[in-house]
Amino acid sequence: MNKLDFLNNVSRKTSTITVEGLGEVNCRELSAGAISSIKELQGDMNILAKIIIAGVMNDEGKPSFTDKDKGSILELPLAPLTAVSEEIMSLTGLVGGDVEAEEVPNA
């Protein structure tokens, strides 16, 4: 397998959820890079926006948001943001949206 095959052969898990106040939202599993940048934001409300920017996609599978949308996303009520981010984290394998549960203890 060459480099391009390796990088292009893996697809992320996806799902569509219905969130009260938002309707249907397409979600996808986070990449390793997105997880890394999200872990840097622990304890900061910006973490919800970062998860949504990285994990919400349109019907064509393209990202729905960019970093420029962070402020607008954070203006939304907490309940729908939490529902969407928890689904994305669940797809990614970070149970219940708990990023801290995946941290490796310092050796």
Protein backbone atom coordinates (compact mmCIF):
# COMPACT_ATOMS: atom_id res chain seq x y z
CA MET A 1 0.00 0.00 0.00
CA ASN A 2 1.43 3.38 -0.96
CA LYS A 3 1.08 6.65 0.96
CA LEU A 4 -1.93 7.91 -1.02
CA ASP A 5 -3.76 4.62 -0.62
CA PHE A 6 -3.08 4.70 3.11
CA LEU A 7 -4.26 8.31 3.53
CA ASN A 8 -7.31 8.02 1.28
CA ASN A 9 -8.61 4.54 2.15
CA VAL A 10 -9.89 5.26 5.63
CA SER A 11 -13.37 6.68 6.04
CA ARG A 12 -14.73 8.18 9.22
CA LYS A 13 -17.90 6.91 10.91
CA THR A 14 -20.93 9.14 10.37
CA SER A 15 -24.44 9.52 11.75
CA THR A 16 -27.41 11.86 11.49
CA ILE A 17 -29.15 12.93 14.68
CA THR A 18 -32.20 15.07 15.36
CA VAL A 19 -31.61 17.81 17.92
CA GLU A 20 -34.44 19.83 19.38
CA GLY A 21 -34.13 23.39 18.11
CA LEU A 22 -31.71 22.46 15.31
CA GLY A 23 -33.39 19.62 13.42
CA GLU A 24 -31.25 17.02 11.65
CA VAL A 25 -27.48 17.31 12.10
CA ASN A 26 -24.94 15.21 10.17
CA CYS A 27 -22.00 14.20 12.36
CA ARG A 28 -18.69 12.46 11.69
CA GLU A 29 -15.90 10.92 13.70
CA LEU A 30 -13.06 13.30 14.59
CA SER A 31 -9.60 12.96 13.11
CA ALA A 32 -6.56 12.41 15.33
CA GLY A 33 -5.50 16.01 14.68
CA ALA A 34 -8.89 17.36 15.73
CA ILE A 35 -8.79 15.31 18.93
CA SER A 36 -5.35 16.70 19.72
CA SER A 37 -6.43 20.31 19.28
CA ILE A 38 -9.62 19.71 21.28
CA LYS A 39 -7.70 18.25 24.22
CA GLU A 40 -5.80 21.55 24.43
CA LEU A 41 -9.13 23.33 25.12
CA GLN A 42 -10.29 21.25 28.08
CA GLY A 43 -12.14 23.37 30.61
CA ASP A 44 -12.89 26.02 27.98
CA MET A 45 -16.32 26.49 26.37
CA ASN A 46 -14.54 26.86 23.02
CA ILE A 47 -14.18 23.07 23.10
CA LEU A 48 -17.84 22.68 22.06
CA ALA A 49 -17.35 24.95 19.05
CA LYS A 50 -14.15 23.15 18.05
CA ILE A 51 -15.87 19.74 18.21
CA ILE A 52 -18.79 21.00 16.13
CA ILE A 53 -16.52 22.68 13.57
CA ALA A 54 -14.53 19.46 13.19
CA GLY A 55 -17.44 17.02 13.31
CA VAL A 56 -20.52 18.51 11.61
CA MET A 57 -20.84 18.00 7.87
CA ASN A 58 -23.26 18.88 5.11
CA ASP A 59 -25.19 16.38 2.97
CA GLU A 60 -22.17 16.04 0.65
CA GLY A 61 -19.88 15.05 3.53
CA LYS A 62 -18.00 18.36 3.55
CA PRO A 63 -17.44 20.36 6.76
CA SER A 64 -20.38 22.67 7.50
CA PHE A 65 -18.35 25.13 9.57
CA THR A 66 -14.93 26.77 9.69
CA ASP A 67 -13.05 28.42 12.54
CA LYS A 68 -14.68 31.70 11.46
CA ASP A 69 -18.02 30.30 12.68
CA LYS A 70 -16.83 29.75 16.27
CA GLY A 71 -18.45 32.90 17.66
CA SER A 72 -21.79 32.18 15.99
CA ILE A 73 -21.78 28.59 17.24
CA LEU A 74 -21.09 29.73 20.80
CA GLU A 75 -24.14 32.03 20.63
CA LEU A 76 -26.41 28.95 20.41
CA PRO A 77 -27.99 27.44 23.53
CA LEU A 78 -25.88 24.92 25.45
CA ALA A 79 -28.30 21.95 25.18
CA PRO A 80 -28.14 21.49 21.38
CA LEU A 81 -24.39 22.14 21.32
CA THR A 82 -23.91 19.47 23.96
CA ALA A 83 -26.14 16.97 22.12
CA VAL A 84 -24.23 17.41 18.86
CA SER A 85 -20.79 17.33 20.48
CA GLU A 86 -21.68 14.19 22.48
CA GLU A 87 -22.74 12.40 19.27
CA ILE A 88 -19.48 13.37 17.57
CA MET A 89 -17.43 12.24 20.55
CA SER A 90 -19.38 8.97 20.66
CA LEU A 91 -18.64 8.34 16.95
CA THR A 92 -14.99 9.03 17.69
CA GLY A 93 -14.94 6.49 20.52
CA LEU A 94 -14.60 9.00 23.32
CA VAL A 95 -17.51 7.68 25.39
CA GLY A 96 -20.14 10.23 26.38
CA GLY A 97 -18.10 13.11 25.03
CA ASP A 98 -15.63 12.82 27.92
CA VAL A 99 -12.29 13.80 26.40
CA GLU A 100 -10.57 13.52 29.80
CA ALA A 101 -11.37 9.80 29.98
CA GLU A 102 -9.01 9.24 27.07
CA GLU A 103 -6.02 11.07 28.55
CA VAL A 104 -2.88 9.01 29.16
CA PRO A 105 -1.54 9.40 32.72
CA ASN A 106 1.87 11.02 33.06
CA ALA A 107 4.58 8.43 33.50
